[in-house]
Amino acid sequence: MAVNCFECIHFYTTWDPQNPRGCKAYGFKTKMMPSIVVKRSSGIECLKFESKKETGRR
């Protein structure tokens, strides 16, 4: 099952128009969804995913 970054506490939107999406857990910004970058570079699903729903954070 693919990770949905929009539901992760580590996902954020940046002010950088070249790299509008970021991951605080891995410390990078990208044009694509961070979970896709992690999958393509490591070959496995993101291991840092933490649901906003489970922690109560929005």
PDB file of N, CA and C in Angstrom:
ATOM      1  N   MET A   1       0.840  -1.187   0.000  1.00  0.00           N
ATOM      2  CA  MET A   1       0.000   0.000   0.000  1.00  0.00           C
ATOM      3  C   MET A   1       0.886   1.250   0.000  1.00  0.00           C
ATOM      4  N   ALA A   2       0.588   2.188  -0.874  1.00  0.00           N
ATOM      5  CA  ALA A   2       1.383   3.407  -0.988  1.00  0.00           C
ATOM      6  C   ALA A   2       1.114   4.352   0.186  1.00  0.00           C
ATOM      7  N   VAL A   3       2.150   5.026   0.615  1.00  0.00           N
ATOM      8  CA  VAL A   3       2.053   5.989   1.715  1.00  0.00           C
ATOM      9  C   VAL A   3       1.462   7.294   1.187  1.00  0.00           C
ATOM     10  N   ASN A   4       0.506   7.862   1.907  1.00  0.00           N
ATOM     11  CA  ASN A   4      -0.095   9.144   1.534  1.00  0.00           C
ATOM     12  C   ASN A   4       0.542  10.232   2.396  1.00  0.00           C
ATOM     13  N   CYS A   5       1.451  10.990   1.811  1.00  0.00           N
ATOM     14  CA  CYS A   5       2.170  12.027   2.549  1.00  0.00           C
ATOM     15  C   CYS A   5       1.241  13.078   3.151  1.00  0.00           C
ATOM     16  N   PHE A   6       0.120  13.342   2.505  1.00  0.00           N
ATOM     17  CA  PHE A   6      -0.803  14.347   3.022  1.00  0.00           C
ATOM     18  C   PHE A   6      -1.352  13.959   4.397  1.00  0.00           C
ATOM     19  N   GLU A   7      -1.275  12.686   4.745  1.00  0.00           N
ATOM     20  CA  GLU A   7      -1.774  12.208   6.029  1.00  0.00           C
ATOM     21  C   GLU A   7      -0.656  11.997   7.047  1.00  0.00           C
ATOM     22  N   CYS A   8       0.556  12.433   6.717  1.00  0.00           N
ATOM     23  CA  CYS A   8       1.717  12.219   7.586  1.00  0.00           C
ATOM     24  C   CYS A   8       2.105  13.500   8.334  1.00  0.00           C
ATOM     25  N   ILE A   9       2.494  13.361   9.587  1.00  0.00           N
ATOM     26  CA  ILE A   9       2.881  14.524  10.378  1.00  0.00           C
ATOM     27  C   ILE A   9       4.183  15.155   9.899  1.00  0.00           C
ATOM     28  N   HIS A  10       4.992  14.438   9.149  1.00  0.00           N
ATOM     29  CA  HIS A  10       6.283  14.951   8.678  1.00  0.00           C
ATOM     30  C   HIS A  10       6.192  15.725   7.366  1.00  0.00           C
ATOM     31  N   PHE A  11       5.070  15.629   6.674  1.00  0.00           N
ATOM     32  CA  PHE A  11       4.889  16.314   5.391  1.00  0.00           C
ATOM     33  C   PHE A  11       4.615  17.796   5.607  1.00  0.00           C
ATOM     34  N   TYR A  12       5.186  18.628   4.732  1.00  0.00           N
ATOM     35  CA  TYR A  12       4.883  20.059   4.769  1.00  0.00           C
ATOM     36  C   TYR A  12       4.978  20.663   3.369  1.00  0.00           C
ATOM     37  N   THR A  13       4.320  21.796   3.203  1.00  0.00           N
ATOM     38  CA  THR A  13       4.370  22.539   1.949  1.00  0.00           C
ATOM     39  C   THR A  13       5.389  23.649   2.114  1.00  0.00           C
ATOM     40  N   THR A  14       6.281  23.781   1.132  1.00  0.00           N
ATOM     41  CA  THR A  14       7.347  24.772   1.211  1.00  0.00           C
ATOM     42  C   THR A  14       6.955  26.034   0.440  1.00  0.00           C
ATOM     43  N   TRP A  15       7.773  27.078   0.566  1.00  0.00           N
ATOM     44  CA  TRP A  15       7.591  28.304  -0.200  1.00  0.00           C
ATOM     45  C   TRP A  15       8.399  28.259  -1.490  1.00  0.00           C
ATOM     46  N   ASP A  16       9.142  27.213  -1.719  1.00  0.00           N
ATOM     47  CA  ASP A  16      10.005  27.064  -2.881  1.00  0.00           C
ATOM     48  C   ASP A  16       9.192  26.549  -4.077  1.00  0.00           C
ATOM     49  N   PRO A  17       8.969  27.369  -5.110  1.00  0.00           N
ATOM     50  CA  PRO A  17       8.169  26.914  -6.248  1.00  0.00           C
ATOM     51  C   PRO A  17       8.817  25.767  -7.026  1.00  0.00           C
ATOM     52  N   GLN A  18      10.131  25.618  -6.925  1.00  0.00           N
ATOM     53  CA  GLN A  18      10.824  24.518  -7.604  1.00  0.00           C
ATOM     54  C   GLN A  18      10.666  23.196  -6.843  1.00  0.00           C
ATOM     55  N   ASN A  19      10.487  23.268  -5.536  1.00  0.00           N
ATOM     56  CA  ASN A  19      10.342  22.088  -4.682  1.00  0.00           C
ATOM     57  C   ASN A  19       9.268  22.349  -3.634  1.00  0.00           C
ATOM     58  N   PRO A  20       8.002  22.253  -4.031  1.00  0.00           N
ATOM     59  CA  PRO A  20       6.912  22.662  -3.143  1.00  0.00           C
ATOM     60  C   PRO A  20       6.527  21.689  -2.025  1.00  0.00           C
ATOM     61  N   ARG A  21       7.092  20.489  -2.021  1.00  0.00           N
ATOM     62  CA  ARG A  21       6.727  19.509  -0.995  1.00  0.00           C
ATOM     63  C   ARG A  21       7.953  19.086  -0.210  1.00  0.00           C
ATOM     64  N   GLY A  22       7.772  18.892   1.093  1.00  0.00           N
ATOM     65  CA  GLY A  22       8.921  18.519   1.921  1.00  0.00           C
ATOM     66  C   GLY A  22       8.608  17.449   2.938  1.00  0.00           C
ATOM     67  N   CYS A  23       9.669  16.830   3.423  1.00  0.00           N
ATOM     68  CA  CYS A  23       9.567  15.813   4.469  1.00  0.00           C
ATOM     69  C   CYS A  23      10.518  16.199   5.599  1.00  0.00           C
ATOM     70  N   LYS A  24       9.960  16.472   6.768  1.00  0.00           N
ATOM     71  CA  LYS A  24      10.770  16.844   7.933  1.00  0.00           C
ATOM     72  C   LYS A  24      11.547  15.645   8.479  1.00  0.00           C
ATOM     73  N   ALA A  25      11.000  14.458   8.357  1.00  0.00           N
ATOM     74  CA  ALA A  25      11.663  13.264   8.882  1.00  0.00           C
ATOM     75  C   ALA A  25      12.957  12.964   8.130  1.00  0.00           C
ATOM     76  N   TYR A  26      12.921  13.076   6.814  1.00  0.00           N
ATOM     77  CA  TYR A  26      14.107  12.790   6.010  1.00  0.00           C
ATOM     78  C   TYR A  26      14.901  14.050   5.669  1.00  0.00           C
ATOM     79  N   GLY A  27      14.298  15.223   5.855  1.00  0.00           N
ATOM     80  CA  GLY A  27      15.006  16.481   5.656  1.00  0.00           C
ATOM     81  C   GLY A  27      15.258  16.874   4.220  1.00  0.00           C
ATOM     82  N   PHE A  28      14.262  16.705   3.354  1.00  0.00           N
ATOM     83  CA  PHE A  28      14.432  17.144   1.971  1.00  0.00           C
ATOM     84  C   PHE A  28      13.154  17.760   1.414  1.00  0.00           C
ATOM     85  N   LYS A  29      13.324  18.525   0.324  1.00  0.00           N
ATOM     86  CA  LYS A  29      12.220  19.127  -0.427  1.00  0.00           C
ATOM     87  C   LYS A  29      12.258  18.550  -1.834  1.00  0.00           C
ATOM     88  N   THR A  30      11.083  18.468  -2.479  1.00  0.00           N
ATOM     89  CA  THR A  30      10.993  17.858  -3.795  1.00  0.00           C
ATOM     90  C   THR A  30       9.767  18.338  -4.555  1.00  0.00           C
ATOM     91  N   LYS A  31       9.763  18.107  -5.866  1.00  0.00           N
ATOM     92  CA  LYS A  31       8.582  18.401  -6.685  1.00  0.00           C
ATOM     93  C   LYS A  31       7.537  17.307  -6.521  1.00  0.00           C
ATOM     94  N   MET A  32       8.015  16.067  -6.355  1.00  0.00           N
ATOM     95  CA  MET A  32       7.125  14.914  -6.224  1.00  0.00           C
ATOM     96  C   MET A  32       6.722  14.730  -4.764  1.00  0.00           C
ATOM     97  N   MET A  33       5.821  13.791  -4.558  1.00  0.00           N
ATOM     98  CA  MET A  33       5.481  13.434  -3.182  1.00  0.00           C
ATOM     99  C   MET A  33       6.709  12.790  -2.555  1.00  0.00           C
ATOM    100  N   PRO A  34       7.069  13.171  -1.341  1.00  0.00           N
ATOM    101  CA  PRO A  34       8.251  12.594  -0.695  1.00  0.00           C
ATOM    102  C   PRO A  34       8.241  11.062  -0.630  1.00  0.00           C
ATOM    103  N   SER A  35       7.085  10.458  -0.433  1.00  0.00           N
ATOM    104  CA  SER A  35       7.022   8.992  -0.349  1.00  0.00           C
ATOM    105  C   SER A  35       7.445   8.337  -1.660  1.00  0.00           C
ATOM    106  N   ILE A  36       7.185   8.993  -2.773  1.00  0.00           N
ATOM    107  CA  ILE A  36       7.604   8.465  -4.079  1.00  0.00           C
ATOM    108  C   ILE A  36       9.119   8.540  -4.214  1.00  0.00           C
ATOM    109  N   VAL A  37       9.702   9.643  -3.772  1.00  0.00           N
ATOM    110  CA  VAL A  37      11.160   9.801  -3.812  1.00  0.00           C
ATOM    111  C   VAL A  37      11.829   8.731  -2.959  1.00  0.00           C
ATOM    112  N   VAL A  38      11.291   8.491  -1.757  1.00  0.00           N
ATOM    113  CA  VAL A  38      11.847   7.474  -0.859  1.00  0.00           C
ATOM    114  C   VAL A  38      11.755   6.092  -1.507  1.00  0.00           C
ATOM    115  N   LYS A  39      10.607   5.771  -2.080  1.00  0.00           N
ATOM    116  CA  LYS A  39      10.406   4.462  -2.719  1.00  0.00           C
ATOM    117  C   LYS A  39      11.371   4.268  -3.889  1.00  0.00           C
ATOM    118  N   ARG A  40      11.523   5.289  -4.721  1.00  0.00           N
ATOM    119  CA  ARG A  40      12.404   5.186  -5.888  1.00  0.00           C
ATOM    120  C   ARG A  40      13.874   5.098  -5.505  1.00  0.00           C
ATOM    121  N   SER A  41      14.268   5.788  -4.453  1.00  0.00           N
ATOM    122  CA  SER A  41      15.689   5.788  -4.084  1.00  0.00           C
ATOM    123  C   SER A  41      16.091   4.595  -3.218  1.00  0.00           C
ATOM    124  N   SER A  42      15.151   4.076  -2.405  1.00  0.00           N
ATOM    125  CA  SER A  42      15.513   2.974  -1.505  1.00  0.00           C
ATOM    126  C   SER A  42      14.931   1.623  -1.921  1.00  0.00           C
ATOM    127  N   GLY A  43      13.853   1.677  -2.705  1.00  0.00           N
ATOM    128  CA  GLY A  43      13.198   0.440  -3.116  1.00  0.00           C
ATOM    129  C   GLY A  43      12.163  -0.070  -2.125  1.00  0.00           C
ATOM    130  N   ILE A  44      11.996   0.647  -0.991  1.00  0.00           N
ATOM    131  CA  ILE A  44      10.996   0.249   0.000  1.00  0.00           C
ATOM    132  C   ILE A  44      10.090   1.437   0.330  1.00  0.00           C
ATOM    133  N   GLU A  45       8.927   1.130   0.888  1.00  0.00           N
ATOM    134  CA  GLU A  45       7.995   2.184   1.290  1.00  0.00           C
ATOM    135  C   GLU A  45       8.613   3.011   2.421  1.00  0.00           C
ATOM    136  N   CYS A  46       8.140   4.216   2.585  1.00  0.00           N
ATOM    137  CA  CYS A  46       8.627   5.114   3.630  1.00  0.00           C
ATOM    138  C   CYS A  46       8.442   4.479   5.017  1.00  0.00           C
ATOM    139  N   LEU A  47       9.509   4.469   5.787  1.00  0.00           N
ATOM    140  CA  LEU A  47       9.461   3.891   7.130  1.00  0.00           C
ATOM    141  C   LEU A  47       9.224   4.938   8.218  1.00  0.00           C
ATOM    142  N   LYS A  48       9.191   6.212   7.826  1.00  0.00           N
ATOM    143  CA  LYS A  48       9.025   7.302   8.792  1.00  0.00           C
ATOM    144  C   LYS A  48       7.585   7.803   8.875  1.00  0.00           C
ATOM    145  N   PHE A  49       6.667   7.215   8.110  1.00  0.00           N
ATOM    146  CA  PHE A  49       5.274   7.665   8.090  1.00  0.00           C
ATOM    147  C   PHE A  49       4.647   7.570   9.472  1.00  0.00           C
ATOM    148  N   GLU A  50       4.024   8.677   9.897  1.00  0.00           N
ATOM    149  CA  GLU A  50       3.248   8.722  11.138  1.00  0.00           C
ATOM    150  C   GLU A  50       1.949   9.440  10.840  1.00  0.00           C
ATOM    151  N   SER A  51       0.857   8.769  11.032  1.00  0.00           N
ATOM    152  CA  SER A  51      -0.451   9.310  10.701  1.00  0.00           C
ATOM    153  C   SER A  51      -0.832  10.494  11.592  1.00  0.00           C
ATOM    154  N   LYS A  52      -1.372  11.527  10.977  1.00  0.00           N
ATOM    155  CA  LYS A  52      -1.889  12.671  11.738  1.00  0.00           C
ATOM    156  C   LYS A  52      -3.085  12.242  12.573  1.00  0.00           C
ATOM    157  N   LYS A  53      -3.865  11.310  12.066  1.00  0.00           N
ATOM    158  CA  LYS A  53      -5.061  10.860  12.765  1.00  0.00           C
ATOM    159  C   LYS A  53      -4.724  10.141  14.057  1.00  0.00           C
ATOM    160  N   GLU A  54      -3.670   9.340  14.052  1.00  0.00           N
ATOM    161  CA  GLU A  54      -3.295   8.574  15.247  1.00  0.00           C
ATOM    162  C   GLU A  54      -2.710   9.445  16.334  1.00  0.00           C
ATOM    163  N   THR A  55      -2.012  10.534  15.939  1.00  0.00           N
ATOM    164  CA  THR A  55      -1.383  11.389  16.928  1.00  0.00           C
ATOM    165  C   THR A  55      -2.258  12.556  17.337  1.00  0.00           C
ATOM    166  N   GLY A  56      -3.334  12.786  16.581  1.00  0.00           N
ATOM    167  CA  GLY A  56      -4.225  13.900  16.880  1.00  0.00           C
ATOM    168  C   GLY A  56      -3.752  15.229  16.337  1.00  0.00           C
ATOM    169  N   ARG A  57      -2.633  15.239  15.600  1.00  0.00           N
ATOM    170  CA  ARG A  57      -2.099  16.479  15.018  1.00  0.00           C
ATOM    171  C   ARG A  57      -2.734  16.725  13.668  1.00  0.00           C
ATOM    172  N   ARG A  58      -2.837  17.980  13.284  1.00  0.00           N
ATOM    173  CA  ARG A  58      -3.403  18.341  11.972  1.00  0.00           C
ATOM    174  C   ARG A  58      -2.479  19.228  11.230  1.00  0.00           C
TER     175      ARG A  58
END
